Amino acid sequence: MGFADKHQDLGILLDISHNYFDNYSEDGIVKFLGCRNFKALHISDALQNVDIKKGTHLAIGYGSIDF
């Protein structure tokens, strides 16, 4: 049982940019976390396999999101 499972009243912030940088896909993240208590979603574009300072928190369209 993980931390979020032990504290089900605690809201979860999902940060797509950092999770994506850590080589987790968006679908994989949501599938893994399932129906837990999401309260916020932080979406920013990101690139994998580059320095974290250059690969996260990019403007939409400058990373992997195809706009």
C-alpha atoms as a PDB file:
ATOM      1  CA  MET A   1       0.000   0.000   0.000  1.00  0.00           C
ATOM      2  CA  GLY A   2       1.448   3.335  -1.067  1.00  0.00           C
ATOM      3  CA  PHE A   3       1.374   6.743   0.601  1.00  0.00           C
ATOM      4  CA  ALA A   4      -1.652   7.922  -1.424  1.00  0.00           C
ATOM      5  CA  ASP A   5      -3.557   4.761  -0.497  1.00  0.00           C
ATOM      6  CA  LYS A   6      -2.928   5.330   3.212  1.00  0.00           C
ATOM      7  CA  HIS A   7      -4.138   8.961   3.022  1.00  0.00           C
ATOM      8  CA  GLN A   8      -7.158   8.831   0.733  1.00  0.00           C
ATOM      9  CA  ASP A   9      -8.456  12.239   1.860  1.00  0.00           C
ATOM     10  CA  LEU A  10      -5.245  13.826   0.612  1.00  0.00           C
ATOM     11  CA  GLY A  11      -5.609  15.412  -2.822  1.00  0.00           C
ATOM     12  CA  ILE A  12      -3.096  14.599  -5.548  1.00  0.00           C
ATOM     13  CA  LEU A  13      -1.387  17.017  -7.953  1.00  0.00           C
ATOM     14  CA  LEU A  14      -0.405  15.269 -11.173  1.00  0.00           C
ATOM     15  CA  ASP A  15       2.576  16.998 -12.835  1.00  0.00           C
ATOM     16  CA  ILE A  16       2.705  15.677 -16.388  1.00  0.00           C
ATOM     17  CA  SER A  17       5.968  17.453 -17.279  1.00  0.00           C
ATOM     18  CA  HIS A  18       8.074  15.844 -14.552  1.00  0.00           C
ATOM     19  CA  ASN A  19       6.450  12.425 -14.892  1.00  0.00           C
ATOM     20  CA  TYR A  20       6.942  12.486 -18.652  1.00  0.00           C
ATOM     21  CA  PHE A  21      10.585  13.482 -18.203  1.00  0.00           C
ATOM     22  CA  ASP A  22      10.979  10.435 -15.939  1.00  0.00           C
ATOM     23  CA  ASN A  23       9.911   8.302 -18.951  1.00  0.00           C
ATOM     24  CA  TYR A  24       6.316   7.727 -17.863  1.00  0.00           C
ATOM     25  CA  SER A  25       3.688   8.228 -20.581  1.00  0.00           C
ATOM     26  CA  GLU A  26       0.593  10.275 -19.832  1.00  0.00           C
ATOM     27  CA  ASP A  27      -1.588   7.166 -20.262  1.00  0.00           C
ATOM     28  CA  GLY A  28       0.710   5.123 -18.040  1.00  0.00           C
ATOM     29  CA  ILE A  29       0.594   7.721 -15.270  1.00  0.00           C
ATOM     30  CA  VAL A  30      -3.205   7.878 -15.240  1.00  0.00           C
ATOM     31  CA  LYS A  31      -3.508   4.083 -15.505  1.00  0.00           C
ATOM     32  CA  PHE A  32      -1.111   3.587 -12.581  1.00  0.00           C
ATOM     33  CA  LEU A  33      -2.798   6.159 -10.341  1.00  0.00           C
ATOM     34  CA  GLY A  34      -6.307   5.057 -11.320  1.00  0.00           C
ATOM     35  CA  CYS A  35      -9.191   6.710  -9.518  1.00  0.00           C
ATOM     36  CA  ARG A  36      -7.265   8.314  -6.682  1.00  0.00           C
ATOM     37  CA  ASN A  37      -8.251  11.728  -5.358  1.00  0.00           C
ATOM     38  CA  PHE A  38      -6.925  14.077  -8.065  1.00  0.00           C
ATOM     39  CA  LYS A  39      -7.324  17.745  -7.143  1.00  0.00           C
ATOM     40  CA  ALA A  40      -5.050  19.448  -9.649  1.00  0.00           C
ATOM     41  CA  LEU A  41      -3.311  18.817 -12.937  1.00  0.00           C
ATOM     42  CA  HIS A  42      -0.103  20.628 -13.906  1.00  0.00           C
ATOM     43  CA  ILE A  43       0.410  20.403 -17.642  1.00  0.00           C
ATOM     44  CA  SER A  44       3.495  21.809 -19.278  1.00  0.00           C
ATOM     45  CA  ASP A  45       5.263  20.569 -22.357  1.00  0.00           C
ATOM     46  CA  ALA A  46       8.380  18.448 -21.910  1.00  0.00           C
ATOM     47  CA  LEU A  47      11.075  16.539 -23.740  1.00  0.00           C
ATOM     48  CA  GLN A  48      12.511  13.194 -22.753  1.00  0.00           C
ATOM     49  CA  ASN A  49      16.205  12.279 -22.811  1.00  0.00           C
ATOM     50  CA  VAL A  50      17.549  15.825 -22.398  1.00  0.00           C
ATOM     51  CA  ASP A  51      18.874  17.725 -19.382  1.00  0.00           C
ATOM     52  CA  ILE A  52      16.007  18.348 -16.931  1.00  0.00           C
ATOM     53  CA  LYS A  53      16.671  22.114 -17.010  1.00  0.00           C
ATOM     54  CA  LYS A  54      16.130  22.107 -20.784  1.00  0.00           C
ATOM     55  CA  GLY A  55      13.425  19.443 -20.986  1.00  0.00           C
ATOM     56  CA  THR A  56      10.680  20.461 -18.557  1.00  0.00           C
ATOM     57  CA  HIS A  57       8.251  23.366 -18.216  1.00  0.00           C
ATOM     58  CA  LEU A  58       8.446  24.258 -21.900  1.00  0.00           C
ATOM     59  CA  ALA A  59       5.881  26.452 -23.585  1.00  0.00           C
ATOM     60  CA  ILE A  60       3.126  24.366 -25.211  1.00  0.00           C
ATOM     61  CA  GLY A  61       4.329  23.279 -28.635  1.00  0.00           C
ATOM     62  CA  TYR A  62       8.051  23.325 -27.801  1.00  0.00           C
ATOM     63  CA  GLY A  63       8.141  19.795 -26.398  1.00  0.00           C
ATOM     64  CA  SER A  64       6.257  16.642 -27.232  1.00  0.00           C
ATOM     65  CA  ILE A  65       2.719  18.091 -27.353  1.00  0.00           C
ATOM     66  CA  ASP A  66       1.728  18.447 -31.005  1.00  0.00           C
ATOM     67  CA  PHE A  67      -0.190  21.707 -31.409  1.00  0.00           C
END
